[in-house]
Amino acid sequence: MNKFLLYFSLVFVILLTSCNASRNITHTTSTKQKLEVQYQLYKGIPYKYGGTDQRGFDCSGFTQKVYNNTFNIQLPRTTEAMSKIGNKISKRKLKPGDLVFFRPTRKYRHVGIFIGNNTFIHSSSSKGVSKSKLDNPYWEKKYRYAKRILKTK
């Protein structure tokens, strides 16, 4: 009878411990994963000047939509206004969620969201919502700076 009671107590303690452990696990999704979900949702939607929805996005409309959906942060509507908020950071310190700014022409500015692995998501006038590499010769030449909006730990 003692062995049975000991065995039962041991099983009970193990079950109780494992239940508490699983309750204490927090299921967090990384910023990179959240941004990837948004990219998959909007991938391929065409570029539309002034666009802010599934019918078409311009670069700042896409960035604004993704930031609102992902982080519940309302960014300004234009690339120029976005460039005036946040903290400037060096290219080598980029983290997922940082905004990356480009100057494709003297008159035109462009913004995207860094997602890691030297990659950013954006709405391009030639490809619509897409991923691009920062070291792509075109984007590398047009890169200006990055801004951090999100607070990091």
N, C-alpha and C. Protein backbone atom coordinates (compact mmCIF):
# COMPACT_ATOMS: atom_id res chain seq x y z
N MET A 1 0.82 -1.19 0.00
CA MET A 1 0.00 0.00 0.00
C MET A 1 0.87 1.26 0.00
N ASN A 2 1.98 1.22 0.74
CA ASN A 2 2.88 2.35 0.79
C ASN A 2 3.48 2.67 -0.58
N LYS A 3 3.87 1.61 -1.31
CA LYS A 3 4.44 1.81 -2.64
C LYS A 3 3.41 2.47 -3.57
N PHE A 4 2.17 2.01 -3.46
CA PHE A 4 1.11 2.58 -4.28
C PHE A 4 0.91 4.06 -3.97
N LEU A 5 0.89 4.42 -2.71
CA LEU A 5 0.71 5.80 -2.27
C LEU A 5 1.89 6.66 -2.73
N LEU A 6 3.08 6.14 -2.60
CA LEU A 6 4.28 6.85 -3.04
C LEU A 6 4.24 7.07 -4.55
N TYR A 7 3.90 6.01 -5.30
CA TYR A 7 3.81 6.11 -6.76
C TYR A 7 2.75 7.14 -7.16
N PHE A 8 1.58 7.07 -6.56
CA PHE A 8 0.49 7.98 -6.86
C PHE A 8 0.89 9.43 -6.54
N SER A 9 1.55 9.64 -5.41
CA SER A 9 2.00 10.99 -5.02
C SER A 9 3.01 11.53 -6.02
N LEU A 10 3.94 10.69 -6.45
CA LEU A 10 4.95 11.09 -7.42
C LEU A 10 4.31 11.49 -8.75
N VAL A 11 3.38 10.67 -9.23
CA VAL A 11 2.67 10.98 -10.48
C VAL A 11 1.90 12.28 -10.33
N PHE A 12 1.24 12.47 -9.21
CA PHE A 12 0.47 13.67 -8.95
C PHE A 12 1.36 14.92 -8.98
N VAL A 13 2.52 14.85 -8.33
CA VAL A 13 3.46 15.98 -8.30
C VAL A 13 3.98 16.30 -9.70
N ILE A 14 4.30 15.26 -10.45
CA ILE A 14 4.78 15.46 -11.83
C ILE A 14 3.71 16.13 -12.68
N LEU A 15 2.49 15.64 -12.59
CA LEU A 15 1.39 16.24 -13.36
C LEU A 15 1.14 17.68 -12.94
N LEU A 16 1.13 17.94 -11.66
CA LEU A 16 0.90 19.28 -11.16
C LEU A 16 1.99 20.23 -11.63
N THR A 17 3.24 19.80 -11.57
CA THR A 17 4.37 20.61 -12.01
C THR A 17 4.29 20.91 -13.49
N SER A 18 3.98 19.90 -14.29
CA SER A 18 3.93 20.11 -15.74
C SER A 18 2.77 21.02 -16.12
N CYS A 19 1.66 20.93 -15.43
CA CYS A 19 0.51 21.81 -15.71
C CYS A 19 0.88 23.25 -15.39
N ASN A 20 1.51 23.48 -14.27
CA ASN A 20 1.91 24.84 -13.90
C ASN A 20 2.96 25.38 -14.85
N ALA A 21 3.88 24.54 -15.28
CA ALA A 21 4.92 24.98 -16.20
C ALA A 21 4.31 25.42 -17.53
N SER A 22 3.36 24.65 -18.04
CA SER A 22 2.78 25.01 -19.33
C SER A 22 1.92 26.27 -19.21
N ARG A 23 1.36 26.51 -18.04
CA ARG A 23 0.56 27.71 -17.84
C ARG A 23 1.45 28.95 -17.80
N ASN A 24 2.69 28.79 -17.36
CA ASN A 24 3.59 29.92 -17.23
C ASN A 24 4.34 30.24 -18.52
N ILE A 25 4.24 29.41 -19.52
CA ILE A 25 4.91 29.68 -20.78
C ILE A 25 4.15 30.77 -21.51
N THR A 26 4.86 31.81 -21.93
CA THR A 26 4.21 32.86 -22.68
C THR A 26 4.50 32.62 -24.16
N HIS A 27 3.48 32.67 -24.95
CA HIS A 27 3.63 32.45 -26.38
C HIS A 27 3.76 33.81 -27.06
N THR A 28 4.99 34.20 -27.35
CA THR A 28 5.22 35.48 -27.99
C THR A 28 5.65 35.24 -29.43
N THR A 29 5.27 36.16 -30.25
CA THR A 29 5.65 36.12 -31.64
C THR A 29 6.65 37.24 -31.86
N SER A 30 7.74 36.94 -32.51
CA SER A 30 8.77 37.95 -32.72
C SER A 30 8.29 39.02 -33.70
N THR A 31 8.92 40.16 -33.62
CA THR A 31 8.61 41.26 -34.53
C THR A 31 8.79 40.80 -35.98
N LYS A 32 9.85 40.07 -36.23
CA LYS A 32 10.12 39.57 -37.58
C LYS A 32 8.97 38.69 -38.07
N GLN A 33 8.48 37.79 -37.21
CA GLN A 33 7.37 36.91 -37.60
C GLN A 33 6.09 37.70 -37.86
N LYS A 34 5.82 38.69 -37.02
CA LYS A 34 4.63 39.53 -37.21
C LYS A 34 4.70 40.28 -38.53
N LEU A 35 5.87 40.80 -38.85
CA LEU A 35 6.03 41.52 -40.11
C LEU A 35 5.91 40.58 -41.30
N GLU A 36 6.41 39.37 -41.17
CA GLU A 36 6.28 38.38 -42.24
C GLU A 36 4.82 38.05 -42.50
N VAL A 37 4.01 37.96 -41.45
CA VAL A 37 2.58 37.72 -41.61
C VAL A 37 1.94 38.85 -42.41
N GLN A 38 2.30 40.08 -42.08
CA GLN A 38 1.76 41.23 -42.82
C GLN A 38 2.21 41.21 -44.27
N TYR A 39 3.47 40.88 -44.49
CA TYR A 39 3.98 40.79 -45.87
C TYR A 39 3.18 39.76 -46.67
N GLN A 40 2.96 38.59 -46.10
CA GLN A 40 2.22 37.54 -46.80
C GLN A 40 0.78 37.98 -47.10
N LEU A 41 0.22 38.78 -46.21
CA LEU A 41 -1.14 39.28 -46.39
C LEU A 41 -1.25 40.24 -47.57
N TYR A 42 -0.23 41.05 -47.77
CA TYR A 42 -0.28 42.10 -48.79
C TYR A 42 0.63 41.87 -50.00
N LYS A 43 1.42 40.83 -49.98
CA LYS A 43 2.38 40.55 -51.05
C LYS A 43 1.72 40.62 -52.42
N GLY A 44 2.34 41.36 -53.32
CA GLY A 44 1.86 41.44 -54.70
C GLY A 44 0.80 42.48 -54.96
N ILE A 45 0.26 43.11 -53.92
CA ILE A 45 -0.72 44.17 -54.16
C ILE A 45 -0.01 45.29 -54.91
N PRO A 46 -0.63 45.80 -55.97
CA PRO A 46 0.07 46.77 -56.82
C PRO A 46 0.33 48.12 -56.14
N TYR A 47 1.30 48.82 -56.69
CA TYR A 47 1.59 50.18 -56.25
C TYR A 47 0.49 51.10 -56.78
N LYS A 48 0.05 51.99 -55.91
CA LYS A 48 -0.92 53.01 -56.32
C LYS A 48 -0.59 54.28 -55.57
N TYR A 49 -0.24 55.33 -56.29
CA TYR A 49 0.10 56.59 -55.65
C TYR A 49 -1.07 57.06 -54.78
N GLY A 50 -0.80 57.32 -53.51
CA GLY A 50 -1.85 57.73 -52.57
C GLY A 50 -2.62 56.56 -51.98
N GLY A 51 -2.28 55.32 -52.39
CA GLY A 51 -3.03 54.15 -51.96
C GLY A 51 -2.74 53.74 -50.53
N THR A 52 -3.82 53.30 -49.84
CA THR A 52 -3.69 52.90 -48.44
C THR A 52 -4.42 51.60 -48.12
N ASP A 53 -4.79 50.84 -49.15
CA ASP A 53 -5.55 49.61 -48.89
C ASP A 53 -5.27 48.55 -49.94
N GLN A 54 -6.02 47.45 -49.89
CA GLN A 54 -5.78 46.29 -50.76
C GLN A 54 -5.92 46.60 -52.26
N ARG A 55 -6.53 47.70 -52.61
CA ARG A 55 -6.63 48.07 -54.03
C ARG A 55 -5.31 48.60 -54.55
N GLY A 56 -4.43 48.99 -53.62
CA GLY A 56 -3.11 49.49 -54.00
C GLY A 56 -2.52 50.34 -52.89
N PHE A 57 -1.20 50.26 -52.75
CA PHE A 57 -0.49 51.02 -51.72
C PHE A 57 0.61 51.84 -52.35
N ASP A 58 0.83 53.04 -51.83
CA ASP A 58 2.11 53.68 -52.08
C ASP A 58 3.01 53.28 -50.91
N CYS A 59 4.27 53.68 -50.93
CA CYS A 59 5.20 53.17 -49.91
C CYS A 59 4.81 53.59 -48.50
N SER A 60 4.40 54.83 -48.32
CA SER A 60 4.05 55.28 -46.97
C SER A 60 2.70 54.72 -46.54
N GLY A 61 1.78 54.53 -47.48
CA GLY A 61 0.49 53.92 -47.14
C GLY A 61 0.67 52.49 -46.66
N PHE A 62 1.54 51.74 -47.33
CA PHE A 62 1.84 50.37 -46.92
C PHE A 62 2.51 50.36 -45.54
N THR A 63 3.51 51.22 -45.35
CA THR A 63 4.23 51.27 -44.08
C THR A 63 3.28 51.64 -42.94
N GLN A 64 2.43 52.63 -43.18
CA GLN A 64 1.45 53.05 -42.18
C GLN A 64 0.50 51.90 -41.82
N LYS A 65 0.00 51.19 -42.83
CA LYS A 65 -0.94 50.09 -42.61
C LYS A 65 -0.29 48.97 -41.81
N VAL A 66 0.91 48.57 -42.19
CA VAL A 66 1.61 47.48 -41.51
C VAL A 66 1.92 47.85 -40.06
N TYR A 67 2.37 49.07 -39.82
CA TYR A 67 2.67 49.50 -38.45
C TYR A 67 1.42 49.50 -37.59
N ASN A 68 0.32 49.96 -38.15
CA ASN A 68 -0.93 49.98 -37.40
C ASN A 68 -1.40 48.55 -37.09
N ASN A 69 -1.37 47.68 -38.10
CA ASN A 69 -1.80 46.29 -37.91
C ASN A 69 -0.90 45.51 -36.96
N THR A 70 0.39 45.71 -37.07
CA THR A 70 1.36 44.91 -36.33
C THR A 70 1.61 45.41 -34.92
N PHE A 71 1.75 46.73 -34.78
CA PHE A 71 2.17 47.30 -33.50
C PHE A 71 1.13 48.22 -32.87
N ASN A 72 0.01 48.41 -33.56
CA ASN A 72 -1.02 49.34 -33.10
C ASN A 72 -0.44 50.75 -32.91
N ILE A 73 0.44 51.13 -33.85
CA ILE A 73 1.07 52.46 -33.84
C ILE A 73 0.62 53.17 -35.11
N GLN A 74 0.08 54.37 -34.93
CA GLN A 74 -0.38 55.16 -36.07
C GLN A 74 0.75 56.09 -36.52
N LEU A 75 1.36 55.75 -37.65
CA LEU A 75 2.41 56.59 -38.22
C LEU A 75 1.78 57.73 -39.01
N PRO A 76 2.55 58.79 -39.24
CA PRO A 76 2.07 59.85 -40.13
C PRO A 76 1.82 59.29 -41.54
N ARG A 77 1.09 60.00 -42.35
CA ARG A 77 0.69 59.49 -43.66
C ARG A 77 1.79 59.55 -44.73
N THR A 78 2.66 60.53 -44.67
CA THR A 78 3.64 60.68 -45.75
C THR A 78 5.04 60.22 -45.34
N THR A 79 5.83 59.88 -46.34
CA THR A 79 7.22 59.48 -46.09
C THR A 79 7.98 60.61 -45.42
N GLU A 80 7.78 61.83 -45.87
CA GLU A 80 8.48 62.96 -45.27
C GLU A 80 8.13 63.12 -43.79
N ALA A 81 6.85 63.01 -43.46
CA ALA A 81 6.43 63.12 -42.06
C ALA A 81 6.98 61.96 -41.23
N MET A 82 7.01 60.75 -41.80
CA MET A 82 7.58 59.60 -41.09
C MET A 82 9.06 59.82 -40.80
N SER A 83 9.74 60.48 -41.73
CA SER A 83 11.19 60.68 -41.56
C SER A 83 11.51 61.62 -40.41
N LYS A 84 10.52 62.33 -39.91
CA LYS A 84 10.75 63.30 -38.84
C LYS A 84 10.50 62.74 -37.44
N ILE A 85 10.08 61.47 -37.35
CA ILE A 85 9.84 60.87 -36.03
C ILE A 85 10.85 59.76 -35.77
N GLY A 86 10.91 59.31 -34.54
CA GLY A 86 11.82 58.22 -34.19
C GLY A 86 13.24 58.68 -34.01
N ASN A 87 14.10 57.70 -33.77
CA ASN A 87 15.53 57.97 -33.55
C ASN A 87 16.34 57.40 -34.69
N LYS A 88 17.24 58.22 -35.22
CA LYS A 88 18.11 57.78 -36.30
C LYS A 88 19.06 56.70 -35.78
N ILE A 89 19.24 55.66 -36.58
CA ILE A 89 20.16 54.58 -36.19
C ILE A 89 21.05 54.22 -37.38
N SER A 90 22.19 53.65 -37.09
CA SER A 90 23.10 53.27 -38.16
C SER A 90 22.60 51.99 -38.85
N LYS A 91 23.00 51.84 -40.07
CA LYS A 91 22.59 50.68 -40.87
C LYS A 91 23.01 49.37 -40.21
N ARG A 92 24.15 49.36 -39.58
CA ARG A 92 24.65 48.12 -38.97
C ARG A 92 23.89 47.75 -37.69
N LYS A 93 23.07 48.65 -37.16
CA LYS A 93 22.31 48.37 -35.95
C LYS A 93 20.82 48.15 -36.22
N LEU A 94 20.47 47.94 -37.47
CA LEU A 94 19.06 47.74 -37.82
C LEU A 94 18.47 46.52 -37.12
N LYS A 95 17.22 46.66 -36.70
CA LYS A 95 16.44 45.57 -36.11
C LYS A 95 15.10 45.51 -36.82
N PRO A 96 14.48 44.32 -36.84
CA PRO A 96 13.15 44.23 -37.46
C PRO A 96 12.19 45.28 -36.90
N GLY A 97 11.51 45.96 -37.80
CA GLY A 97 10.57 47.01 -37.44
C GLY A 97 11.11 48.41 -37.68
N ASP A 98 12.43 48.53 -37.87
CA ASP A 98 13.00 49.85 -38.15
C ASP A 98 12.57 50.31 -39.53
N LEU A 99 12.36 51.62 -39.67
CA LEU A 99 12.02 52.19 -40.97
C LEU A 99 13.31 52.51 -41.71
N VAL A 100 13.33 52.19 -43.00
CA VAL A 100 14.48 52.49 -43.84
C VAL A 100 14.03 53.48 -44.91
N PHE A 101 14.84 54.52 -45.11
CA PHE A 101 14.49 55.61 -46.02
C PHE A 101 15.48 55.68 -47.18
N PHE A 102 14.93 55.99 -48.33
CA PHE A 102 15.69 56.05 -49.57
C PHE A 102 15.35 57.35 -50.31
N ARG A 103 16.23 57.73 -51.22
CA ARG A 103 15.99 58.90 -52.08
C ARG A 103 16.24 58.48 -53.53
N PRO A 104 15.22 57.83 -54.15
CA PRO A 104 15.41 57.36 -55.53
C PRO A 104 15.66 58.48 -56.54
N THR A 105 15.03 59.63 -56.35
CA THR A 105 15.26 60.79 -57.22
C THR A 105 15.35 62.03 -56.35
N ARG A 106 15.68 63.15 -56.95
CA ARG A 106 15.78 64.39 -56.17
C ARG A 106 14.45 64.77 -55.54
N LYS A 107 13.35 64.45 -56.22
CA LYS A 107 12.02 64.85 -55.73
C LYS A 107 11.33 63.75 -54.92
N TYR A 108 11.70 62.52 -55.11
CA TYR A 108 10.94 61.38 -54.59
C TYR A 108 11.65 60.73 -53.42
N ARG A 109 10.91 60.47 -52.35
CA ARG A 109 11.42 59.74 -51.19
C ARG A 109 10.71 58.39 -51.11
N HIS A 110 11.36 57.44 -50.46
CA HIS A 110 10.79 56.09 -50.35
C HIS A 110 11.04 55.56 -48.95
N VAL A 111 10.07 54.77 -48.42
CA VAL A 111 10.21 54.19 -47.09
C VAL A 111 9.81 52.73 -47.14
N GLY A 112 10.49 51.93 -46.32
CA GLY A 112 10.16 50.52 -46.16
C GLY A 112 10.40 50.12 -44.72
N ILE A 113 10.13 48.86 -44.41
CA ILE A 113 10.28 48.34 -43.05
C ILE A 113 11.30 47.21 -43.06
N PHE A 114 12.35 47.37 -42.29
CA PHE A 114 13.39 46.34 -42.18
C PHE A 114 12.81 45.12 -41.47
N ILE A 115 13.07 43.91 -42.01
CA ILE A 115 12.55 42.69 -41.39
C ILE A 115 13.66 41.73 -40.95
N GLY A 116 14.91 42.12 -41.14
CA GLY A 116 16.02 41.25 -40.77
C GLY A 116 16.69 40.66 -42.00
N ASN A 117 17.85 40.05 -41.80
CA ASN A 117 18.60 39.40 -42.89
C ASN A 117 18.83 40.33 -44.08
N ASN A 118 19.13 41.60 -43.78
CA ASN A 118 19.44 42.58 -44.82
C ASN A 118 18.26 42.81 -45.78
N THR A 119 17.04 42.57 -45.31
CA THR A 119 15.84 42.62 -46.16
C THR A 119 14.82 43.60 -45.60
N PHE A 120 14.12 44.28 -46.51
CA PHE A 120 13.03 45.15 -46.09
C PHE A 120 11.81 44.90 -46.96
N ILE A 121 10.63 45.21 -46.41
CA ILE A 121 9.38 45.10 -47.16
C ILE A 121 8.91 46.52 -47.48
N HIS A 122 8.26 46.64 -48.64
CA HIS A 122 7.84 47.97 -49.08
C HIS A 122 6.88 47.83 -50.25
N SER A 123 6.30 48.94 -50.65
CA SER A 123 5.50 48.97 -51.87
C SER A 123 6.30 49.72 -52.91
N SER A 124 6.76 48.98 -53.87
CA SER A 124 7.61 49.51 -54.93
C SER A 124 6.76 49.88 -56.14
N SER A 125 7.11 50.99 -56.78
CA SER A 125 6.33 51.41 -57.95
C SER A 125 6.42 50.41 -59.09
N SER A 126 7.47 49.58 -59.12
CA SER A 126 7.60 48.60 -60.20
C SER A 126 7.05 47.22 -59.86
N LYS A 127 7.07 46.84 -58.56
CA LYS A 127 6.68 45.48 -58.18
C LYS A 127 5.51 45.42 -57.20
N GLY A 128 5.03 46.56 -56.73
CA GLY A 128 4.01 46.54 -55.68
C GLY A 128 4.63 46.10 -54.38
N VAL A 129 3.81 45.51 -53.51
CA VAL A 129 4.32 45.08 -52.20
C VAL A 129 5.28 43.91 -52.42
N SER A 130 6.51 44.11 -51.97
CA SER A 130 7.56 43.12 -52.22
C SER A 130 8.64 43.22 -51.16
N LYS A 131 9.57 42.28 -51.23
CA LYS A 131 10.77 42.28 -50.38
C LYS A 131 11.94 42.69 -51.25
N SER A 132 12.87 43.41 -50.66
CA SER A 132 14.11 43.77 -51.36
C SER A 132 15.27 43.68 -50.38
N LYS A 133 16.45 43.54 -50.94
CA LYS A 133 17.67 43.48 -50.14
C LYS A 133 18.32 44.87 -50.08
N LEU A 134 18.79 45.24 -48.91
CA LEU A 134 19.47 46.52 -48.77
C LEU A 134 20.74 46.60 -49.59
N ASP A 135 21.37 45.45 -49.85
CA ASP A 135 22.60 45.46 -50.63
C ASP A 135 22.35 45.27 -52.13
N ASN A 136 21.09 45.27 -52.54
CA ASN A 136 20.78 45.31 -53.97
C ASN A 136 21.41 46.61 -54.50
N PRO A 137 22.14 46.56 -55.61
CA PRO A 137 22.85 47.76 -56.09
C PRO A 137 21.95 49.01 -56.20
N TYR A 138 20.72 48.83 -56.64
CA TYR A 138 19.82 49.98 -56.76
C TYR A 138 19.52 50.58 -55.39
N TRP A 139 19.04 49.74 -54.46
CA TRP A 139 18.65 50.25 -53.15
C TRP A 139 19.86 50.70 -52.33
N GLU A 140 20.98 50.04 -52.48
CA GLU A 140 22.19 50.42 -51.76
C GLU A 140 22.61 51.85 -52.13
N LYS A 141 22.50 52.15 -53.39
CA LYS A 141 22.88 53.48 -53.88
C LYS A 141 21.89 54.56 -53.41
N LYS A 142 20.63 54.20 -53.26
CA LYS A 142 19.59 55.17 -52.91
C LYS A 142 19.33 55.29 -51.40
N TYR A 143 19.93 54.38 -50.61
CA TYR A 143 19.72 54.37 -49.16
C TYR A 143 20.20 55.69 -48.54
N ARG A 144 19.41 56.22 -47.59
CA ARG A 144 19.79 57.45 -46.90
C ARG A 144 20.01 57.23 -45.41
N TYR A 145 19.02 56.67 -44.71
CA TYR A 145 19.14 56.46 -43.27
C TYR A 145 18.01 55.58 -42.78
N ALA A 146 18.08 55.24 -41.47
CA ALA A 146 17.02 54.43 -40.85
C ALA A 146 16.58 55.12 -39.57
N LYS A 147 15.34 54.83 -39.18
CA LYS A 147 14.77 55.38 -37.95
C LYS A 147 14.16 54.24 -37.15
N ARG A 148 14.33 54.32 -35.84
CA ARG A 148 13.72 53.34 -34.94
C ARG A 148 12.53 54.00 -34.26
N ILE A 149 11.37 53.42 -34.47
CA ILE A 149 10.13 53.89 -33.87
C ILE A 149 9.81 53.07 -32.63
N LEU A 150 10.03 51.75 -32.76
CA LEU A 150 9.69 50.82 -31.67
C LEU A 150 10.71 50.92 -30.56
N LYS A 151 10.24 50.78 -29.33
CA LYS A 151 11.15 50.69 -28.20
C LYS A 151 11.69 49.27 -28.16
N THR A 152 13.00 49.14 -28.04
CA THR A 152 13.60 47.81 -27.98
C THR A 152 14.14 47.58 -26.59
N LYS A 153 14.23 46.30 -26.23
CA LYS A 153 14.69 45.92 -24.90
C LYS A 153 16.19 45.91 -24.83
